[in-house]
Amino acid sequence: MIVTGLFLFIALFLSCVAAVLYLAPRLKILNIVHYDSAEQAVRINRYAAARLLLPVIVFLACAWIVEMRPELAVPLLFPSIIAVLIAVVWIAAGVTRLAP
């Protein structure tokens, strides 16, 4: 089904972003963060990578549920969007704590 594929694609995309943040932590790719030093970039990127796993898990769960019950595709868009927003707020709040 197309909607299941959409949920899986977004989960794959977010997991790739999390992998890049974790495996190449010296890259300064988060646009909401002002990096002061390279070691701060490593801490912040690894912190953000771990927090991005929340929406990945939610999108994978939604894909599984939609595969079983296709009529729930539209209502499951809302928890997916909320999971992304929670992850962004969680990362932004943590960055203020990690940045000296």
C-alpha atoms as a PDB file:
ATOM      1  CA  MET A   1       0.000   0.000   0.000  1.00  0.00           C
ATOM      2  CA  ILE A   2       1.200   3.518  -0.758  1.00  0.00           C
ATOM      3  CA  VAL A   3       0.661   4.885   2.757  1.00  0.00           C
ATOM      4  CA  THR A   4       2.678   2.060   4.321  1.00  0.00           C
ATOM      5  CA  GLY A   5       5.477   2.864   1.910  1.00  0.00           C
ATOM      6  CA  LEU A   6       5.287   6.524   2.894  1.00  0.00           C
ATOM      7  CA  PHE A   7       5.623   5.700   6.586  1.00  0.00           C
ATOM      8  CA  LEU A   8       8.540   3.373   5.828  1.00  0.00           C
ATOM      9  CA  PHE A   9      10.235   5.960   3.605  1.00  0.00           C
ATOM     10  CA  ILE A  10      10.055   8.649   6.291  1.00  0.00           C
ATOM     11  CA  ALA A  11      11.350   6.172   8.894  1.00  0.00           C
ATOM     12  CA  LEU A  12      14.242   5.274   6.589  1.00  0.00           C
ATOM     13  CA  PHE A  13      15.010   8.939   5.915  1.00  0.00           C
ATOM     14  CA  LEU A  14      15.036   9.842   9.616  1.00  0.00           C
ATOM     15  CA  SER A  15      17.152   6.817  10.482  1.00  0.00           C
ATOM     16  CA  CYS A  16      19.666   7.860   7.791  1.00  0.00           C
ATOM     17  CA  VAL A  17      19.811  11.356   9.280  1.00  0.00           C
ATOM     18  CA  ALA A  18      20.322   9.849  12.739  1.00  0.00           C
ATOM     19  CA  ALA A  19      23.055   7.583  11.386  1.00  0.00           C
ATOM     20  CA  VAL A  20      24.868  10.501   9.764  1.00  0.00           C
ATOM     21  CA  LEU A  21      24.643  12.511  12.983  1.00  0.00           C
ATOM     22  CA  TYR A  22      25.981   9.604  15.025  1.00  0.00           C
ATOM     23  CA  LEU A  23      28.650   8.249  12.654  1.00  0.00           C
ATOM     24  CA  ALA A  24      29.959  11.614  11.409  1.00  0.00           C
ATOM     25  CA  PRO A  25      29.478  13.786  14.490  1.00  0.00           C
ATOM     26  CA  ARG A  26      31.934  16.491  13.484  1.00  0.00           C
ATOM     27  CA  LEU A  27      29.667  17.636  10.651  1.00  0.00           C
ATOM     28  CA  LYS A  28      27.738  20.760  11.557  1.00  0.00           C
ATOM     29  CA  ILE A  29      24.454  19.962   9.844  1.00  0.00           C
ATOM     30  CA  LEU A  30      21.820  20.919  12.415  1.00  0.00           C
ATOM     31  CA  ASN A  31      20.602  24.364  11.414  1.00  0.00           C
ATOM     32  CA  ILE A  32      18.999  25.161  14.786  1.00  0.00           C
ATOM     33  CA  VAL A  33      22.329  24.875  16.617  1.00  0.00           C
ATOM     34  CA  HIS A  34      25.194  27.327  16.997  1.00  0.00           C
ATOM     35  CA  TYR A  35      28.289  25.165  17.378  1.00  0.00           C
ATOM     36  CA  ASP A  36      31.150  26.726  19.343  1.00  0.00           C
ATOM     37  CA  SER A  37      33.735  23.947  19.093  1.00  0.00           C
ATOM     38  CA  ALA A  38      34.298  20.580  17.441  1.00  0.00           C
ATOM     39  CA  GLU A  39      33.871  18.632  20.674  1.00  0.00           C
ATOM     40  CA  GLN A  40      30.595  20.430  21.323  1.00  0.00           C
ATOM     41  CA  ALA A  41      29.438  19.439  17.826  1.00  0.00           C
ATOM     42  CA  VAL A  42      30.197  15.795  18.605  1.00  0.00           C
ATOM     43  CA  ARG A  43      28.181  15.880  21.848  1.00  0.00           C
ATOM     44  CA  ILE A  44      25.224  17.705  20.298  1.00  0.00           C
ATOM     45  CA  ASN A  45      25.074  15.542  17.163  1.00  0.00           C
ATOM     46  CA  ARG A  46      25.217  12.288  19.134  1.00  0.00           C
ATOM     47  CA  TYR A  47      22.536  13.653  21.473  1.00  0.00           C
ATOM     48  CA  ALA A  48      20.328  14.570  18.501  1.00  0.00           C
ATOM     49  CA  ALA A  49      20.888  11.211  16.805  1.00  0.00           C
ATOM     50  CA  ALA A  50      19.583   9.341  19.835  1.00  0.00           C
ATOM     51  CA  ARG A  51      16.505  11.596  20.056  1.00  0.00           C
ATOM     52  CA  LEU A  52      15.693  11.102  16.368  1.00  0.00           C
ATOM     53  CA  LEU A  53      15.044   7.438  17.039  1.00  0.00           C
ATOM     54  CA  LEU A  54      11.707   8.331  18.663  1.00  0.00           C
ATOM     55  CA  PRO A  55      10.014   9.389  15.401  1.00  0.00           C
ATOM     56  CA  VAL A  56      11.674   6.477  13.585  1.00  0.00           C
ATOM     57  CA  ILE A  57      10.053   4.025  15.995  1.00  0.00           C
ATOM     58  CA  VAL A  58       6.705   5.807  15.741  1.00  0.00           C
ATOM     59  CA  PHE A  59       6.779   5.785  11.925  1.00  0.00           C
ATOM     60  CA  LEU A  60       7.699   2.086  11.868  1.00  0.00           C
ATOM     61  CA  ALA A  61       4.881   1.285  14.286  1.00  0.00           C
ATOM     62  CA  CYS A  62       2.448   3.305  12.186  1.00  0.00           C
ATOM     63  CA  ALA A  63       3.570   1.460   9.037  1.00  0.00           C
ATOM     64  CA  TRP A  64       2.927  -1.865  10.747  1.00  0.00           C
ATOM     65  CA  ILE A  65      -0.500  -0.769  11.994  1.00  0.00           C
ATOM     66  CA  VAL A  66      -1.499   0.616   8.580  1.00  0.00           C
ATOM     67  CA  GLU A  67      -0.443  -2.644   6.965  1.00  0.00           C
ATOM     68  CA  MET A  68      -2.801  -4.509   9.311  1.00  0.00           C
ATOM     69  CA  ARG A  69      -5.614  -1.917   9.340  1.00  0.00           C
ATOM     70  CA  PRO A  70      -5.486   0.405   6.275  1.00  0.00           C
ATOM     71  CA  GLU A  71      -8.450   2.461   7.466  1.00  0.00           C
ATOM     72  CA  LEU A  72      -6.249   3.934  10.215  1.00  0.00           C
ATOM     73  CA  ALA A  73      -3.829   5.569   7.762  1.00  0.00           C
ATOM     74  CA  VAL A  74      -5.112   9.136   8.117  1.00  0.00           C
ATOM     75  CA  PRO A  75      -5.539   9.139  11.914  1.00  0.00           C
ATOM     76  CA  LEU A  76      -2.007   7.743  12.304  1.00  0.00           C
ATOM     77  CA  LEU A  77      -0.542  10.770  10.552  1.00  0.00           C
ATOM     78  CA  PHE A  78      -1.177  12.847  13.665  1.00  0.00           C
ATOM     79  CA  PRO A  79       0.903  10.822  16.156  1.00  0.00           C
ATOM     80  CA  SER A  80       3.673  10.681  13.560  1.00  0.00           C
ATOM     81  CA  ILE A  81       3.764  14.456  13.210  1.00  0.00           C
ATOM     82  CA  ILE A  82       3.571  14.877  16.990  1.00  0.00           C
ATOM     83  CA  ALA A  83       6.547  12.494  17.395  1.00  0.00           C
ATOM     84  CA  VAL A  84       8.632  14.615  15.028  1.00  0.00           C
ATOM     85  CA  LEU A  85       7.681  17.798  16.889  1.00  0.00           C
ATOM     86  CA  ILE A  86       8.498  16.200  20.246  1.00  0.00           C
ATOM     87  CA  ALA A  87      11.900  15.122  18.929  1.00  0.00           C
ATOM     88  CA  VAL A  88      12.662  18.633  17.647  1.00  0.00           C
ATOM     89  CA  VAL A  89      11.672  20.242  20.948  1.00  0.00           C
ATOM     90  CA  TRP A  90      13.614  17.590  22.887  1.00  0.00           C
ATOM     91  CA  ILE A  91      16.730  18.243  20.791  1.00  0.00           C
ATOM     92  CA  ALA A  92      16.387  22.012  21.082  1.00  0.00           C
ATOM     93  CA  ALA A  93      15.946  21.808  24.851  1.00  0.00           C
ATOM     94  CA  GLY A  94      18.947  19.519  25.186  1.00  0.00           C
ATOM     95  CA  VAL A  95      21.143  21.736  23.045  1.00  0.00           C
ATOM     96  CA  THR A  96      20.636  24.633  25.433  1.00  0.00           C
ATOM     97  CA  ARG A  97      21.766  22.343  28.238  1.00  0.00           C
ATOM     98  CA  LEU A  98      24.757  20.910  26.334  1.00  0.00           C
ATOM     99  CA  ALA A  99      25.979  24.255  25.016  1.00  0.00           C
ATOM    100  CA  PRO A 100      28.025  26.140  27.581  1.00  0.00           C
END
